[in-house]
Amino acid sequence: MPDAIQLLLVDDHPMVLEGLRSLLRLYEDINIAGSFTNGPDALAFLESHTADVVLLDINLPGMNGFELCKSLRKKYPAVKVIALSTHTERSMITRMLQNGAVGFLSKSSSAVELADAIRAVQRNGIYLGQEIQQGMGTPAAATTSLPHLTRREKEVLALVAAGKSTQQIGEALFISFLTAETHRRNIMQKFEVSNVAALIKLAVDNGLV
């Protein structure tokens, strides 16, 4: 059996943390490496421990979830972040994705969906919960103005949205760095955006990731 996924829980409510521990300890392939009620303690833990996935609340005291997510992305790029929140507005979802999250779940999600999301992002995927997808929807006018993407460009876009670097995209798709960078640049040109954050927002808004 493969090594268990090392999971970090960050939520400012001890009862929520205990509930998550109770739900997720049922899964043998997921190990809760630590749980914290604030961002600085979680970052301090990672200085001497490893984690694969962080399940992160947005409303935290001091350093909020947006800031912590951005800091995790910068300091520990291999760690996957899933936002877990009662706030499921489109702006919240987009901002978390822009800050490096690769998943977003409502706090009403089931244990099965939590486990599925953790496994999905560990496999270098993106996971938006069922409730999140329903809440976001797809703008009516979106499908009329989308540029055409090739199959490869769609694969590259998904990896860009997952926070992967050009080098990591090339390795994941077994293509050269130059080819991966060319695809990424072509996608941005097609969407007429100048940065990755804007590209991810458009992709999310249009239901492409």
N, C-alpha and C. Protein backbone atom coordinates (compact mmCIF):
# COMPACT_ATOMS: atom_id res chain seq x y z
N MET A 1 0.85 -1.20 0.00
CA MET A 1 0.00 0.00 0.00
C MET A 1 0.88 1.24 0.00
N PRO A 2 0.59 2.23 -0.83
CA PRO A 2 1.39 3.45 -0.88
C PRO A 2 1.39 4.15 0.47
N ASP A 3 2.40 5.00 0.69
CA ASP A 3 2.45 5.76 1.93
C ASP A 3 1.20 6.62 2.07
N ALA A 4 0.75 6.77 3.31
CA ALA A 4 -0.45 7.58 3.56
C ALA A 4 -0.17 9.05 3.23
N ILE A 5 -1.19 9.74 2.77
CA ILE A 5 -1.10 11.16 2.50
C ILE A 5 -1.01 11.89 3.84
N GLN A 6 0.00 12.73 3.99
CA GLN A 6 0.20 13.48 5.23
C GLN A 6 -0.60 14.78 5.16
N LEU A 7 -1.58 14.90 6.05
CA LEU A 7 -2.54 16.00 6.00
C LEU A 7 -2.37 16.94 7.19
N LEU A 8 -2.44 18.24 6.90
CA LEU A 8 -2.41 19.26 7.94
C LEU A 8 -3.77 19.96 7.97
N LEU A 9 -4.32 20.15 9.16
CA LEU A 9 -5.61 20.82 9.34
C LEU A 9 -5.38 22.18 9.98
N VAL A 10 -5.98 23.23 9.40
CA VAL A 10 -5.86 24.57 9.98
C VAL A 10 -7.23 25.21 10.04
N ASP A 11 -7.75 25.38 11.26
CA ASP A 11 -9.06 25.99 11.48
C ASP A 11 -9.07 26.58 12.88
N ASP A 12 -9.66 27.76 13.04
CA ASP A 12 -9.60 28.41 14.34
C ASP A 12 -10.63 27.89 15.35
N HIS A 13 -11.43 26.91 14.94
CA HIS A 13 -12.42 26.34 15.85
C HIS A 13 -11.99 24.92 16.25
N PRO A 14 -11.62 24.71 17.51
CA PRO A 14 -11.20 23.38 17.96
C PRO A 14 -12.24 22.29 17.69
N MET A 15 -13.52 22.63 17.77
CA MET A 15 -14.56 21.63 17.52
C MET A 15 -14.56 21.20 16.06
N VAL A 16 -14.27 22.14 15.15
CA VAL A 16 -14.20 21.80 13.73
C VAL A 16 -13.01 20.87 13.49
N LEU A 17 -11.88 21.19 14.12
CA LEU A 17 -10.70 20.34 13.98
C LEU A 17 -10.98 18.93 14.49
N GLU A 18 -11.64 18.83 15.64
CA GLU A 18 -11.95 17.51 16.19
C GLU A 18 -12.90 16.75 15.27
N GLY A 19 -13.88 17.47 14.69
CA GLY A 19 -14.79 16.83 13.76
C GLY A 19 -14.09 16.31 12.52
N LEU A 20 -13.16 17.10 11.99
CA LEU A 20 -12.41 16.67 10.81
C LEU A 20 -11.53 15.47 11.13
N ARG A 21 -10.91 15.49 12.29
CA ARG A 21 -10.08 14.35 12.69
C ARG A 21 -10.93 13.08 12.78
N SER A 22 -12.13 13.21 13.38
CA SER A 22 -13.01 12.05 13.53
C SER A 22 -13.45 11.50 12.18
N LEU A 23 -13.76 12.41 11.25
CA LEU A 23 -14.22 11.99 9.92
C LEU A 23 -13.11 11.32 9.12
N LEU A 24 -11.91 11.91 9.17
CA LEU A 24 -10.85 11.48 8.27
C LEU A 24 -10.00 10.34 8.81
N ARG A 25 -10.09 10.07 10.10
CA ARG A 25 -9.30 8.95 10.63
C ARG A 25 -9.87 7.60 10.18
N LEU A 26 -11.02 7.63 9.53
CA LEU A 26 -11.61 6.41 8.99
C LEU A 26 -10.86 5.92 7.76
N TYR A 27 -10.06 6.80 7.16
CA TYR A 27 -9.39 6.47 5.90
C TYR A 27 -7.92 6.13 6.16
N GLU A 28 -7.55 4.89 5.85
CA GLU A 28 -6.19 4.44 6.13
C GLU A 28 -5.14 5.12 5.28
N ASP A 29 -5.54 5.65 4.11
CA ASP A 29 -4.56 6.28 3.23
C ASP A 29 -4.37 7.77 3.53
N ILE A 30 -5.02 8.26 4.59
CA ILE A 30 -4.87 9.66 4.98
C ILE A 30 -4.45 9.71 6.45
N ASN A 31 -3.30 10.36 6.70
CA ASN A 31 -2.81 10.49 8.07
C ASN A 31 -2.79 11.97 8.46
N ILE A 32 -3.41 12.30 9.57
CA ILE A 32 -3.43 13.69 10.03
C ILE A 32 -2.12 13.95 10.79
N ALA A 33 -1.23 14.68 10.12
CA ALA A 33 0.10 14.93 10.68
C ALA A 33 0.07 16.00 11.75
N GLY A 34 -0.91 16.89 11.69
CA GLY A 34 -1.01 17.96 12.68
C GLY A 34 -2.25 18.79 12.46
N SER A 35 -2.69 19.49 13.51
CA SER A 35 -3.83 20.39 13.39
C SER A 35 -3.55 21.65 14.19
N PHE A 36 -3.92 22.78 13.61
CA PHE A 36 -3.58 24.07 14.21
C PHE A 36 -4.73 25.06 14.08
N THR A 37 -4.76 26.02 15.02
CA THR A 37 -5.83 27.01 15.02
C THR A 37 -5.39 28.34 14.42
N ASN A 38 -4.14 28.42 13.94
CA ASN A 38 -3.68 29.66 13.31
C ASN A 38 -2.55 29.36 12.32
N GLY A 39 -2.30 30.34 11.46
CA GLY A 39 -1.31 30.17 10.40
C GLY A 39 0.12 30.07 10.87
N PRO A 40 0.59 30.97 11.76
CA PRO A 40 1.99 30.90 12.19
C PRO A 40 2.38 29.56 12.79
N ASP A 41 1.49 28.95 13.57
CA ASP A 41 1.81 27.64 14.15
C ASP A 41 1.94 26.57 13.07
N ALA A 42 1.08 26.66 12.05
CA ALA A 42 1.15 25.70 10.95
C ALA A 42 2.47 25.85 10.18
N LEU A 43 2.87 27.09 9.93
CA LEU A 43 4.13 27.35 9.23
C LEU A 43 5.32 26.88 10.06
N ALA A 44 5.25 27.09 11.37
CA ALA A 44 6.33 26.65 12.25
C ALA A 44 6.46 25.13 12.23
N PHE A 45 5.33 24.44 12.18
CA PHE A 45 5.33 22.98 12.13
C PHE A 45 6.04 22.49 10.87
N LEU A 46 5.79 23.17 9.75
CA LEU A 46 6.36 22.74 8.48
C LEU A 46 7.86 22.98 8.38
N GLU A 47 8.39 23.78 9.27
CA GLU A 47 9.83 24.00 9.26
C GLU A 47 10.60 22.73 9.63
N SER A 48 9.96 21.84 10.38
CA SER A 48 10.64 20.62 10.81
C SER A 48 9.85 19.34 10.50
N HIS A 49 8.70 19.48 9.85
CA HIS A 49 7.89 18.33 9.48
C HIS A 49 7.44 18.47 8.03
N THR A 50 6.95 17.39 7.47
CA THR A 50 6.47 17.43 6.09
C THR A 50 4.95 17.22 6.05
N ALA A 51 4.35 17.73 5.02
CA ALA A 51 2.92 17.52 4.78
C ALA A 51 2.70 17.51 3.28
N ASP A 52 1.73 16.74 2.85
CA ASP A 52 1.39 16.69 1.43
C ASP A 52 0.26 17.65 1.08
N VAL A 53 -0.74 17.71 1.98
CA VAL A 53 -1.94 18.50 1.73
C VAL A 53 -2.29 19.27 2.99
N VAL A 54 -2.75 20.52 2.80
CA VAL A 54 -3.25 21.33 3.91
C VAL A 54 -4.72 21.64 3.66
N LEU A 55 -5.55 21.31 4.63
CA LEU A 55 -6.97 21.65 4.59
C LEU A 55 -7.12 22.92 5.40
N LEU A 56 -7.49 24.02 4.73
CA LEU A 56 -7.29 25.35 5.30
C LEU A 56 -8.58 26.17 5.34
N ASP A 57 -8.92 26.65 6.52
CA ASP A 57 -10.04 27.58 6.68
C ASP A 57 -9.60 28.96 6.21
N ILE A 58 -10.54 29.77 5.74
CA ILE A 58 -10.20 31.12 5.28
C ILE A 58 -10.19 32.10 6.44
N ASN A 59 -11.19 32.02 7.31
CA ASN A 59 -11.29 32.94 8.43
C ASN A 59 -10.42 32.48 9.59
N LEU A 60 -9.21 33.01 9.66
CA LEU A 60 -8.28 32.68 10.72
C LEU A 60 -7.86 33.96 11.44
N PRO A 61 -7.54 33.87 12.71
CA PRO A 61 -7.09 35.07 13.44
C PRO A 61 -5.70 35.49 12.98
N GLY A 62 -5.47 36.80 12.91
CA GLY A 62 -4.15 37.28 12.48
C GLY A 62 -3.94 37.05 11.00
N MET A 63 -3.12 36.08 10.66
CA MET A 63 -2.88 35.72 9.26
C MET A 63 -4.09 34.94 8.74
N ASN A 64 -4.84 35.55 7.79
CA ASN A 64 -6.03 34.85 7.29
C ASN A 64 -5.65 33.76 6.28
N GLY A 65 -6.65 33.03 5.84
CA GLY A 65 -6.41 31.91 4.93
C GLY A 65 -5.80 32.32 3.61
N PHE A 66 -6.17 33.48 3.10
CA PHE A 66 -5.59 33.96 1.84
C PHE A 66 -4.09 34.16 1.99
N GLU A 67 -3.70 34.83 3.09
CA GLU A 67 -2.29 35.12 3.33
C GLU A 67 -1.51 33.84 3.59
N LEU A 68 -2.11 32.94 4.38
CA LEU A 68 -1.42 31.69 4.70
C LEU A 68 -1.24 30.84 3.44
N CYS A 69 -2.25 30.81 2.60
CA CYS A 69 -2.17 30.04 1.36
C CYS A 69 -1.03 30.58 0.49
N LYS A 70 -0.95 31.88 0.37
CA LYS A 70 0.10 32.50 -0.44
C LYS A 70 1.48 32.19 0.14
N SER A 71 1.58 32.24 1.46
CA SER A 71 2.85 31.94 2.12
C SER A 71 3.25 30.48 1.94
N LEU A 72 2.28 29.59 2.05
CA LEU A 72 2.55 28.16 1.84
C LEU A 72 3.02 27.91 0.41
N ARG A 73 2.38 28.55 -0.53
CA ARG A 73 2.73 28.38 -1.94
C ARG A 73 4.18 28.82 -2.19
N LYS A 74 4.57 29.91 -1.52
CA LYS A 74 5.92 30.45 -1.72
C LYS A 74 6.98 29.61 -1.02
N LYS A 75 6.72 29.24 0.24
CA LYS A 75 7.73 28.53 1.04
C LYS A 75 7.75 27.03 0.79
N TYR A 76 6.58 26.46 0.52
CA TYR A 76 6.47 25.01 0.37
C TYR A 76 5.65 24.68 -0.88
N PRO A 77 6.21 24.93 -2.06
CA PRO A 77 5.44 24.77 -3.31
C PRO A 77 4.93 23.36 -3.56
N ALA A 78 5.52 22.36 -2.93
CA ALA A 78 5.07 20.99 -3.14
C ALA A 78 3.81 20.67 -2.33
N VAL A 79 3.50 21.49 -1.34
CA VAL A 79 2.33 21.25 -0.49
C VAL A 79 1.08 21.74 -1.21
N LYS A 80 0.05 20.88 -1.27
CA LYS A 80 -1.20 21.23 -1.92
C LYS A 80 -2.17 21.82 -0.89
N VAL A 81 -2.82 22.91 -1.24
CA VAL A 81 -3.75 23.57 -0.32
C VAL A 81 -5.18 23.43 -0.82
N ILE A 82 -6.06 22.96 0.08
CA ILE A 82 -7.49 22.92 -0.18
C ILE A 82 -8.17 23.88 0.79
N ALA A 83 -8.90 24.85 0.27
CA ALA A 83 -9.65 25.76 1.13
C ALA A 83 -10.92 25.06 1.60
N LEU A 84 -11.25 25.26 2.87
CA LEU A 84 -12.47 24.69 3.45
C LEU A 84 -13.18 25.82 4.17
N SER A 85 -14.35 26.20 3.67
CA SER A 85 -14.97 27.41 4.21
C SER A 85 -16.49 27.38 4.12
N THR A 86 -17.13 28.18 4.96
CA THR A 86 -18.58 28.39 4.83
C THR A 86 -18.85 29.47 3.79
N HIS A 87 -17.81 30.22 3.45
CA HIS A 87 -17.95 31.28 2.44
C HIS A 87 -17.61 30.72 1.07
N THR A 88 -18.60 30.59 0.22
CA THR A 88 -18.38 29.95 -1.08
C THR A 88 -18.70 30.89 -2.25
N GLU A 89 -18.55 32.20 -2.00
CA GLU A 89 -18.78 33.16 -3.08
C GLU A 89 -17.70 33.02 -4.15
N ARG A 90 -18.06 33.33 -5.37
CA ARG A 90 -17.13 33.22 -6.50
C ARG A 90 -15.83 33.99 -6.23
N SER A 91 -15.94 35.20 -5.64
CA SER A 91 -14.75 36.01 -5.39
C SER A 91 -13.80 35.32 -4.42
N MET A 92 -14.36 34.63 -3.41
CA MET A 92 -13.54 33.91 -2.45
C MET A 92 -12.79 32.76 -3.13
N ILE A 93 -13.52 32.02 -3.94
CA ILE A 93 -12.93 30.87 -4.64
C ILE A 93 -11.80 31.33 -5.56
N THR A 94 -12.08 32.35 -6.35
CA THR A 94 -11.09 32.85 -7.29
C THR A 94 -9.84 33.36 -6.58
N ARG A 95 -10.05 34.09 -5.49
CA ARG A 95 -8.90 34.64 -4.76
C ARG A 95 -8.03 33.53 -4.17
N MET A 96 -8.65 32.49 -3.64
CA MET A 96 -7.87 31.39 -3.09
C MET A 96 -7.08 30.67 -4.18
N LEU A 97 -7.70 30.46 -5.33
CA LEU A 97 -7.00 29.82 -6.44
C LEU A 97 -5.84 30.68 -6.92
N GLN A 98 -6.06 31.98 -6.96
CA GLN A 98 -4.99 32.89 -7.37
C GLN A 98 -3.83 32.85 -6.39
N ASN A 99 -4.14 32.59 -5.13
CA ASN A 99 -3.09 32.57 -4.09
C ASN A 99 -2.42 31.21 -3.97
N GLY A 100 -2.83 30.25 -4.82
CA GLY A 100 -2.13 28.98 -4.85
C GLY A 100 -2.91 27.76 -4.44
N ALA A 101 -4.17 27.92 -3.99
CA ALA A 101 -4.97 26.75 -3.63
C ALA A 101 -5.28 25.92 -4.87
N VAL A 102 -5.40 24.61 -4.68
CA VAL A 102 -5.75 23.73 -5.79
C VAL A 102 -7.08 23.02 -5.53
N GLY A 103 -7.76 23.44 -4.46
CA GLY A 103 -9.06 22.86 -4.16
C GLY A 103 -9.87 23.81 -3.30
N PHE A 104 -11.19 23.63 -3.35
CA PHE A 104 -12.08 24.46 -2.53
C PHE A 104 -13.30 23.63 -2.19
N LEU A 105 -13.59 23.54 -0.88
CA LEU A 105 -14.72 22.76 -0.40
C LEU A 105 -15.56 23.58 0.56
N SER A 106 -16.86 23.29 0.57
CA SER A 106 -17.74 23.86 1.57
C SER A 106 -17.60 23.06 2.86
N LYS A 107 -17.81 23.71 4.00
CA LYS A 107 -17.73 23.00 5.27
C LYS A 107 -18.89 22.02 5.47
N SER A 108 -19.84 22.05 4.56
CA SER A 108 -20.93 21.07 4.63
C SER A 108 -20.61 19.81 3.82
N SER A 109 -19.40 19.74 3.27
CA SER A 109 -19.01 18.57 2.47
C SER A 109 -19.00 17.30 3.33
N SER A 110 -19.27 16.18 2.68
CA SER A 110 -19.26 14.90 3.37
C SER A 110 -17.83 14.40 3.57
N ALA A 111 -17.68 13.40 4.44
CA ALA A 111 -16.37 12.81 4.67
C ALA A 111 -15.84 12.19 3.38
N VAL A 112 -16.72 11.59 2.60
CA VAL A 112 -16.31 10.97 1.34
C VAL A 112 -15.75 12.01 0.39
N GLU A 113 -16.43 13.16 0.29
CA GLU A 113 -15.94 14.20 -0.62
C GLU A 113 -14.62 14.80 -0.12
N LEU A 114 -14.50 14.96 1.20
CA LEU A 114 -13.24 15.45 1.76
C LEU A 114 -12.08 14.53 1.36
N ALA A 115 -12.30 13.24 1.55
CA ALA A 115 -11.25 12.26 1.22
C ALA A 115 -10.96 12.26 -0.28
N ASP A 116 -12.01 12.34 -1.10
CA ASP A 116 -11.83 12.37 -2.55
C ASP A 116 -11.00 13.59 -2.98
N ALA A 117 -11.29 14.74 -2.35
CA ALA A 117 -10.58 15.97 -2.69
C ALA A 117 -9.10 15.86 -2.32
N ILE A 118 -8.84 15.32 -1.15
CA ILE A 118 -7.45 15.17 -0.68
C ILE A 118 -6.67 14.27 -1.64
N ARG A 119 -7.30 13.18 -2.04
CA ARG A 119 -6.62 12.25 -2.97
C ARG A 119 -6.42 12.90 -4.34
N ALA A 120 -7.42 13.65 -4.78
CA ALA A 120 -7.35 14.27 -6.11
C ALA A 120 -6.21 15.27 -6.21
N VAL A 121 -6.10 16.15 -5.22
CA VAL A 121 -5.04 17.16 -5.30
C VAL A 121 -3.66 16.54 -5.08
N GLN A 122 -3.60 15.46 -4.32
CA GLN A 122 -2.33 14.77 -4.14
C GLN A 122 -1.84 14.18 -5.45
N ARG A 123 -2.78 13.85 -6.36
CA ARG A 123 -2.43 13.33 -7.69
C ARG A 123 -2.17 14.47 -8.67
N ASN A 124 -1.95 15.67 -8.14
CA ASN A 124 -1.69 16.86 -8.96
C ASN A 124 -2.90 17.32 -9.75
N GLY A 125 -4.07 17.12 -9.18
CA GLY A 125 -5.28 17.60 -9.82
C GLY A 125 -5.84 18.82 -9.11
N ILE A 126 -6.99 19.26 -9.57
CA ILE A 126 -7.74 20.35 -8.95
C ILE A 126 -9.07 19.77 -8.49
N TYR A 127 -9.57 20.20 -7.33
CA TYR A 127 -10.85 19.70 -6.87
C TYR A 127 -11.70 20.86 -6.36
N LEU A 128 -12.80 21.10 -7.06
CA LEU A 128 -13.80 22.05 -6.61
C LEU A 128 -15.02 21.24 -6.20
N GLY A 129 -15.46 21.37 -4.94
CA GLY A 129 -16.57 20.59 -4.42
C GLY A 129 -17.84 20.77 -5.23
N GLN A 130 -18.72 19.81 -5.11
CA GLN A 130 -19.98 19.85 -5.85
C GLN A 130 -20.76 21.13 -5.55
N GLU A 131 -20.82 21.50 -4.28
CA GLU A 131 -21.54 22.72 -3.90
C GLU A 131 -20.86 23.96 -4.47
N ILE A 132 -19.54 23.91 -4.53
CA ILE A 132 -18.78 25.05 -5.08
C ILE A 132 -19.08 25.21 -6.57
N GLN A 133 -19.06 24.11 -7.30
CA GLN A 133 -19.34 24.16 -8.73
C GLN A 133 -20.75 24.66 -9.01
N GLN A 134 -21.70 24.21 -8.21
CA GLN A 134 -23.09 24.65 -8.39
C GLN A 134 -23.23 26.14 -8.10
N GLY A 135 -22.53 26.60 -7.07
CA GLY A 135 -22.61 28.00 -6.71
C GLY A 135 -21.96 28.92 -7.72
N MET A 136 -20.89 28.43 -8.36
CA MET A 136 -20.19 29.25 -9.33
C MET A 136 -20.93 29.33 -10.64
N GLY A 137 -21.42 28.19 -11.08
CA GLY A 137 -22.12 28.15 -12.36
C GLY A 137 -21.20 28.57 -13.49
N THR A 138 -21.76 28.84 -14.64
CA THR A 138 -21.02 29.35 -15.79
C THR A 138 -21.80 30.51 -16.38
N PRO A 139 -21.20 31.69 -16.47
CA PRO A 139 -21.91 32.84 -17.02
C PRO A 139 -22.51 32.52 -18.39
N ALA A 140 -23.71 33.01 -18.63
CA ALA A 140 -24.42 32.69 -19.87
C ALA A 140 -23.65 33.10 -21.10
N ALA A 141 -22.94 34.22 -21.01
CA ALA A 141 -22.22 34.73 -22.18
C ALA A 141 -20.83 34.11 -22.32
N ALA A 142 -20.43 33.34 -21.31
CA ALA A 142 -19.05 32.86 -21.31
C ALA A 142 -18.73 31.97 -22.50
N THR A 143 -19.65 31.06 -22.82
CA THR A 143 -19.36 30.08 -23.85
C THR A 143 -19.30 30.68 -25.25
N THR A 144 -19.78 31.90 -25.43
CA THR A 144 -19.80 32.48 -26.76
C THR A 144 -18.47 33.14 -27.13
N SER A 145 -17.62 33.44 -26.13
CA SER A 145 -16.42 34.19 -26.44
C SER A 145 -15.14 33.47 -26.04
N LEU A 146 -15.26 32.17 -25.72
CA LEU A 146 -14.08 31.43 -25.32
C LEU A 146 -13.20 31.09 -26.52
N PRO A 147 -11.89 31.26 -26.37
CA PRO A 147 -11.00 30.86 -27.47
C PRO A 147 -10.93 29.33 -27.54
N HIS A 148 -10.61 28.85 -28.72
CA HIS A 148 -10.48 27.40 -28.89
C HIS A 148 -9.13 26.95 -28.34
N LEU A 149 -9.15 25.91 -27.51
CA LEU A 149 -7.92 25.34 -26.97
C LEU A 149 -7.76 23.92 -27.48
N THR A 150 -6.54 23.57 -27.82
CA THR A 150 -6.27 22.19 -28.23
C THR A 150 -6.30 21.30 -26.99
N ARG A 151 -6.31 20.00 -27.19
CA ARG A 151 -6.32 19.06 -26.06
C ARG A 151 -5.11 19.30 -25.17
N ARG A 152 -3.94 19.49 -25.78
CA ARG A 152 -2.73 19.72 -25.02
C ARG A 152 -2.81 21.02 -24.24
N GLU A 153 -3.36 22.06 -24.87
CA GLU A 153 -3.49 23.34 -24.18
C GLU A 153 -4.42 23.23 -22.98
N LYS A 154 -5.46 22.42 -23.09
CA LYS A 154 -6.36 22.21 -21.96
C LYS A 154 -5.63 21.51 -20.81
N GLU A 155 -4.77 20.57 -21.15
CA GLU A 155 -3.98 19.87 -20.13
C GLU A 155 -3.03 20.85 -19.45
N VAL A 156 -2.39 21.70 -20.24
CA VAL A 156 -1.47 22.69 -19.69
C VAL A 156 -2.22 23.69 -18.81
N LEU A 157 -3.39 24.12 -19.25
CA LEU A 157 -4.20 25.07 -18.48
C LEU A 157 -4.56 24.50 -17.12
N ALA A 158 -4.94 23.22 -17.09
CA ALA A 158 -5.29 22.58 -15.82
C ALA A 158 -4.11 22.57 -14.86
N LEU A 159 -2.92 22.33 -15.40
CA LEU A 159 -1.72 22.29 -14.57
C LEU A 159 -1.31 23.69 -14.11
N VAL A 160 -1.49 24.68 -14.98
CA VAL A 160 -1.23 26.07 -14.58
C VAL A 160 -2.15 26.46 -13.43
N ALA A 161 -3.43 26.11 -13.56
CA ALA A 161 -4.40 26.43 -12.52
C ALA A 161 -4.10 25.69 -11.22
N ALA A 162 -3.42 24.55 -11.33
CA ALA A 162 -3.03 23.78 -10.14
C ALA A 162 -1.77 24.34 -9.49
N GLY A 163 -1.25 25.42 -10.07
CA GLY A 163 -0.09 26.07 -9.47
C GLY A 163 1.24 25.49 -9.90
N LYS A 164 1.25 24.70 -10.98
CA LYS A 164 2.48 24.07 -11.42
C LYS A 164 3.37 25.05 -12.19
N SER A 165 4.66 24.92 -11.99
CA SER A 165 5.62 25.72 -12.74
C SER A 165 5.75 25.15 -14.14
N THR A 166 6.39 25.92 -15.02
CA THR A 166 6.60 25.44 -16.39
C THR A 166 7.41 24.15 -16.38
N GLN A 167 8.43 24.08 -15.52
CA GLN A 167 9.24 22.87 -15.40
C GLN A 167 8.39 21.68 -14.98
N GLN A 168 7.53 21.88 -13.98
CA GLN A 168 6.67 20.80 -13.48
C GLN A 168 5.64 20.37 -14.54
N ILE A 169 5.14 21.33 -15.32
CA ILE A 169 4.20 21.01 -16.40
C ILE A 169 4.88 20.13 -17.44
N GLY A 170 6.10 20.51 -17.80
CA GLY A 170 6.85 19.72 -18.77
C GLY A 170 7.06 18.29 -18.29
N GLU A 171 7.41 18.15 -17.02
CA GLU A 171 7.65 16.82 -16.46
C GLU A 171 6.36 16.00 -16.40
N ALA A 172 5.26 16.65 -16.04
CA ALA A 172 3.99 15.93 -15.92
C ALA A 172 3.48 15.45 -17.27
N LEU A 173 3.74 16.24 -18.32
CA LEU A 173 3.22 15.90 -19.65
C LEU A 173 4.29 15.28 -20.56
N PHE A 174 5.49 15.08 -20.01
CA PHE A 174 6.59 14.49 -20.77
C PHE A 174 6.92 15.30 -22.02
N ILE A 175 6.97 16.62 -21.83
CA ILE A 175 7.36 17.52 -22.92
C ILE A 175 8.49 18.40 -22.40
N SER A 176 9.19 19.05 -23.31
CA SER A 176 10.32 19.88 -22.91
C SER A 176 9.85 21.15 -22.22
N PHE A 177 10.77 21.77 -21.49
CA PHE A 177 10.47 23.05 -20.83
C PHE A 177 10.03 24.08 -21.87
N LEU A 178 10.74 24.13 -22.99
CA LEU A 178 10.43 25.12 -24.03
C LEU A 178 9.03 24.89 -24.60
N THR A 179 8.67 23.62 -24.85
CA THR A 179 7.33 23.32 -25.38
C THR A 179 6.26 23.70 -24.37
N ALA A 180 6.49 23.39 -23.10
CA ALA A 180 5.52 23.73 -22.05
C ALA A 180 5.34 25.24 -21.95
N GLU A 181 6.45 25.96 -22.02
CA GLU A 181 6.40 27.42 -21.94
C GLU A 181 5.68 28.00 -23.16
N THR A 182 5.89 27.40 -24.33
CA THR A 182 5.21 27.86 -25.54
C THR A 182 3.70 27.67 -25.42
N HIS A 183 3.29 26.51 -24.93
CA HIS A 183 1.85 26.27 -24.72
C HIS A 183 1.27 27.28 -23.73
N ARG A 184 1.98 27.51 -22.64
CA ARG A 184 1.48 28.43 -21.62
C ARG A 184 1.33 29.84 -22.19
N ARG A 185 2.32 30.26 -22.96
CA ARG A 185 2.29 31.59 -23.56
C ARG A 185 1.16 31.70 -24.59
N ASN A 186 0.96 30.64 -25.38
CA ASN A 186 -0.12 30.65 -26.37
C ASN A 186 -1.49 30.75 -25.71
N ILE A 187 -1.66 30.03 -24.60
CA ILE A 187 -2.94 30.07 -23.89
C ILE A 187 -3.21 31.48 -23.37
N MET A 188 -2.20 32.12 -22.80
CA MET A 188 -2.38 33.47 -22.28
C MET A 188 -2.69 34.45 -23.41
N GLN A 189 -2.07 34.24 -24.55
CA GLN A 189 -2.36 35.11 -25.70
C GLN A 189 -3.79 34.91 -26.19
N LYS A 190 -4.24 33.66 -26.22
CA LYS A 190 -5.60 33.37 -26.66
C LYS A 190 -6.64 34.01 -25.73
N PHE A 191 -6.34 34.01 -24.43
CA PHE A 191 -7.27 34.60 -23.47
C PHE A 191 -7.05 36.09 -23.28
N GLU A 192 -5.99 36.60 -23.92
CA GLU A 192 -5.66 38.02 -23.87
C GLU A 192 -5.43 38.49 -22.43
N VAL A 193 -4.64 37.72 -21.68
CA VAL A 193 -4.28 38.09 -20.32
C VAL A 193 -2.76 38.17 -20.22
N SER A 194 -2.29 38.91 -19.21
CA SER A 194 -0.85 39.13 -19.08
C SER A 194 -0.23 38.44 -17.88
N ASN A 195 -1.06 37.78 -17.04
CA ASN A 195 -0.49 37.10 -15.88
C ASN A 195 -1.31 35.85 -15.56
N VAL A 196 -0.71 34.99 -14.77
CA VAL A 196 -1.33 33.70 -14.45
C VAL A 196 -2.59 33.88 -13.61
N ALA A 197 -2.58 34.84 -12.69
CA ALA A 197 -3.75 35.07 -11.84
C ALA A 197 -4.99 35.38 -12.69
N ALA A 198 -4.83 36.24 -13.68
CA ALA A 198 -5.94 36.59 -14.55
C ALA A 198 -6.39 35.38 -15.38
N LEU A 199 -5.42 34.57 -15.79
CA LEU A 199 -5.74 33.37 -16.56
C LEU A 199 -6.56 32.39 -15.73
N ILE A 200 -6.15 32.18 -14.48
CA ILE A 200 -6.88 31.26 -13.61
C ILE A 200 -8.29 31.76 -13.34
N LYS A 201 -8.43 33.06 -13.13
CA LYS A 201 -9.75 33.64 -12.89
C LYS A 201 -10.67 33.38 -14.08
N LEU A 202 -10.18 33.61 -15.29
CA LEU A 202 -10.98 33.37 -16.49
C LEU A 202 -11.33 31.89 -16.63
N ALA A 203 -10.37 31.03 -16.34
CA ALA A 203 -10.60 29.59 -16.45
C ALA A 203 -11.67 29.14 -15.47
N VAL A 204 -11.59 29.66 -14.23
CA VAL A 204 -12.58 29.31 -13.21
C VAL A 204 -13.95 29.87 -13.58
N ASP A 205 -13.98 31.14 -13.98
CA ASP A 205 -15.25 31.79 -14.33
C ASP A 205 -15.97 31.07 -15.46
N ASN A 206 -15.20 30.47 -16.35
CA ASN A 206 -15.80 29.81 -17.51
C ASN A 206 -15.88 28.29 -17.37
N GLY A 207 -15.62 27.81 -16.17
CA GLY A 207 -15.78 26.38 -15.91
C GLY A 207 -14.79 25.49 -16.62
N LEU A 208 -13.60 26.03 -16.92
CA LEU A 208 -12.60 25.25 -17.66
C LEU A 208 -11.73 24.41 -16.73
N VAL A 209 -11.71 24.74 -15.45
CA VAL A 209 -10.95 23.96 -14.46
C VAL A 209 -11.81 23.74 -13.22
